[in-house]
Protein backbone atom coordinates (compact mmCIF):
# COMPACT_ATOMS: atom_id res chain seq x y z
CA MET A 1 12.51 -11.52 -12.27
CA GLU A 2 13.46 -12.94 -9.01
CA GLN A 3 16.37 -10.53 -8.42
CA CYS A 4 14.28 -7.67 -9.30
CA GLN A 5 11.61 -8.46 -6.91
CA ALA A 6 14.24 -8.89 -4.17
CA GLU A 7 15.32 -5.62 -4.91
CA MET A 8 12.17 -4.24 -4.95
CA LYS A 9 11.22 -5.46 -1.55
CA THR A 10 14.29 -4.26 -0.08
CA LEU A 11 13.51 -0.65 -1.45
CA CYS A 12 9.99 -1.03 -0.02
CA ASN A 13 11.22 -1.77 3.40
CA LYS A 14 13.53 1.36 3.07
CA ILE A 15 10.56 3.29 1.74
CA VAL A 16 8.34 2.35 4.58
CA GLY A 17 11.26 2.86 7.15
CA ILE A 18 11.26 6.66 5.63
CA MET A 19 7.53 7.24 5.77
CA LEU A 20 7.45 5.73 9.39
CA GLY A 21 10.53 8.32 10.21
CA SER A 22 8.77 10.75 9.01
CA LEU A 23 6.05 10.64 11.86
CA GLY A 24 9.01 10.30 14.41
CA LEU A 25 8.86 6.27 14.58
CA THR A 26 12.12 4.14 14.57
CA HIS A 27 12.08 1.27 11.75
CA LYS A 28 13.63 -1.18 14.22
CA ASP A 29 10.66 -0.87 16.85
CA ASP A 30 7.83 -0.24 14.53
CA MET A 31 8.19 -2.23 11.06
CA ASN A 32 7.04 -5.62 12.98
CA TRP A 33 3.19 -4.83 11.82
CA PHE A 34 3.71 -6.66 8.59
CA GLN A 35 5.84 -9.41 10.03
CA PRO A 36 4.48 -13.14 10.48
CA GLN A 37 3.35 -13.14 14.24
CA ASN A 38 3.59 -16.85 14.61
CA GLY A 39 6.05 -17.39 11.95
CA SER A 40 4.22 -19.54 9.81
CA ASP A 41 4.48 -17.48 6.81
CA GLN A 42 6.37 -14.43 5.26
CA THR A 43 5.80 -11.16 4.18
CA GLN A 44 3.98 -11.18 0.85
CA CYS A 45 5.09 -9.12 -2.20
CA LEU A 46 3.35 -9.47 -5.86
CA PHE A 47 5.00 -8.01 -8.70
CA HIS A 48 2.85 -7.30 -11.49
CA LEU A 49 3.94 -6.76 -15.28
CA ASN A 50 1.18 -5.29 -17.77
CA SER A 51 1.18 -4.85 -21.23
CA TYR A 52 -1.27 -2.13 -22.09
CA LEU A 53 -2.18 -0.85 -25.27
CA CYS A 54 -1.35 2.62 -24.85
CA ASN A 55 2.58 4.10 -24.94
CA ILE A 56 1.14 7.26 -22.99
CA SER A 57 0.25 7.48 -19.05
CA GLY A 58 -2.36 5.38 -17.71
CA LEU A 59 -1.89 5.73 -14.02
CA GLN A 60 -4.73 7.80 -12.39
CA ASP A 61 -5.40 8.85 -8.81
CA TYR A 62 -9.35 9.81 -7.58
CA GLN A 63 -8.93 13.28 -6.26
CA ASP A 64 -12.02 14.54 -4.09
CA GLY A 65 -13.58 17.45 -6.14
CA ALA A 66 -11.49 16.87 -9.41
CA GLY A 67 -12.20 12.96 -9.84
CA TRP A 68 -10.14 10.76 -11.70
CA VAL A 69 -6.55 12.54 -12.19
CA PRO A 70 -3.89 11.47 -14.84
CA ILE A 71 -0.52 11.17 -13.09
CA GLU A 72 2.32 12.56 -14.91
CA GLN A 73 5.24 10.40 -15.97
CA VAL A 74 8.40 11.44 -14.69
CA GLU A 75 11.41 9.40 -16.38
CA GLY A 76 13.32 7.29 -14.27
CA ALA A 77 10.74 7.82 -11.35
CA LEU A 78 9.25 5.60 -9.33
CA VAL A 79 5.36 6.16 -8.15
CA VAL A 80 4.53 5.11 -4.75
CA ASN A 81 0.90 4.94 -3.72
CA VAL A 82 0.08 4.63 0.17
CA GLY A 83 -2.13 1.39 0.67
CA ASP A 84 -4.87 0.68 3.11
CA LEU A 85 -2.55 -1.07 5.64
CA MET A 86 -0.34 2.07 5.98
CA GLN A 87 -3.15 4.07 6.35
CA ILE A 88 -4.29 1.85 9.05
CA VAL A 89 -1.34 1.39 10.58
CA THR A 90 -0.45 5.18 10.78
CA ASN A 91 -3.82 5.78 12.21
CA GLY A 92 -4.71 7.76 9.06
CA LYS A 93 -1.68 10.02 8.84
CA PHE A 94 -0.73 8.70 5.33
CA LYS A 95 -4.00 8.27 3.17
CA SER A 96 -4.88 5.20 0.79
CA VAL A 97 -4.65 6.24 -2.61
CA PHE A 98 -7.53 5.20 -5.04
CA HIS A 99 -6.52 4.81 -8.23
CA HIS A 100 -6.63 2.75 -11.55
CA VAL A 101 -4.85 2.28 -14.87
CA VAL A 102 -6.78 3.10 -18.41
CA VAL A 103 -5.99 1.76 -21.66
CA ASN A 104 -5.85 3.48 -25.41
CA SER A 105 -6.72 0.77 -28.01
CA THR A 106 -4.30 2.50 -30.52
CA CYS A 107 -0.84 2.38 -28.87
CA HIS A 108 1.20 0.07 -26.78
CA ARG A 109 2.63 0.68 -23.16
CA LEU A 110 4.38 -1.84 -20.79
CA GLY A 111 3.85 -1.06 -16.82
CA THR A 112 5.14 -2.94 -13.81
CA SER A 113 3.60 -2.60 -10.16
CA PHE A 114 4.99 -4.07 -7.13
CA PHE A 115 3.01 -4.37 -3.51
CA LEU A 116 4.31 -5.11 -0.16
CA MET A 117 1.65 -6.83 1.91
CA ALA A 118 1.18 -8.13 5.31
CA SER A 119 1.69 -11.82 6.06
CA SER A 120 -1.51 -13.45 6.34
CA ASP A 121 -1.52 -13.94 10.30
CA ALA A 122 0.44 -10.31 11.03
CA GLU A 123 -1.86 -8.07 13.34
CA ILE A 124 -2.50 -4.79 11.51
CA SER A 125 -3.67 -1.96 13.58
CA PRO A 126 -2.64 1.86 14.53
CA LEU A 127 0.60 1.77 15.88
CA ARG A 128 0.93 2.19 19.80
CA LYS A 129 2.83 5.30 19.54
CA LEU A 130 0.45 7.17 17.33
CA VAL A 131 -2.44 6.52 19.41
CA ASP A 132 -3.44 8.64 22.65
CA SER A 133 -5.94 10.47 24.12
CA ALA A 134 -6.24 13.22 21.39
CA HIS A 135 -5.32 10.51 18.74
CA PRO A 136 -7.77 7.73 19.54
CA PRO A 137 -7.24 4.56 17.09
CA LEU A 138 -9.33 5.13 14.04
CA TYR A 139 -9.62 1.55 12.81
CA ARG A 140 -10.13 -2.27 14.61
CA PRO A 141 -7.31 -4.60 14.69
CA VAL A 142 -7.56 -7.12 11.24
CA THR A 143 -4.94 -9.81 10.38
CA GLY A 144 -3.70 -9.67 6.90
CA LYS A 145 -5.63 -12.83 6.14
CA GLU A 146 -8.89 -10.95 6.91
CA TYR A 147 -7.87 -7.90 5.37
CA PHE A 148 -7.34 -9.41 1.75
CA GLN A 149 -10.72 -11.32 2.13
CA LEU A 150 -12.66 -7.74 3.13
CA LYS A 151 -10.51 -6.44 0.04
CA TYR A 152 -11.75 -9.09 -2.12
CA ASN A 153 -15.38 -8.90 -1.13
CA LEU A 154 -15.93 -5.22 -0.54
CA PHE A 155 -12.76 -3.96 -2.87
CA ASN A 156 -12.50 -0.10 -2.06
CA LYS A 157 -15.16 -0.13 0.87
CA ALA A 158 -12.52 -2.64 2.81
CA LEU A 159 -10.70 0.10 4.61
CA GLU A 160 -14.15 1.71 5.75
CA SER A 161 -15.14 -1.46 7.36
CA THR A 162 -12.39 -1.44 9.44
CA ARG A 163 -13.05 2.02 10.99
CA LEU A 164 -13.82 2.05 14.09
């Protein structure tokens, strides 16, 4: 499990690098948004293993106008959902995906999820290279700790609470 978690963290860093690269940003200069600022703690990750009573796809994304839409399973593929912090740092260029998992009491299904999160003292704000007079910042700066507290208290309203 520890090896899998370490490899998933490496993969996540590569995916974030590709995503930022698609916006014309460089991995070296622009990946610091989730790193510890005071050297006090590390980038956080969370690896979930879940057992559901269902062997069919249970992941659903919420789409405006359509409601909850099942995500088709593709054998050997990973589903990458953009989270709130990526929406903040990209100043809304990438949108956070509101999603959930549904169960079926007649079947069994295993699922995994992996979250790469900012350290508690990291400052999360729109990256400077994505902000200019035509694209003002859409979100106020927050620390990782502050955002996780907002998420705990406000759940799906946390992102909106950081909007300028």
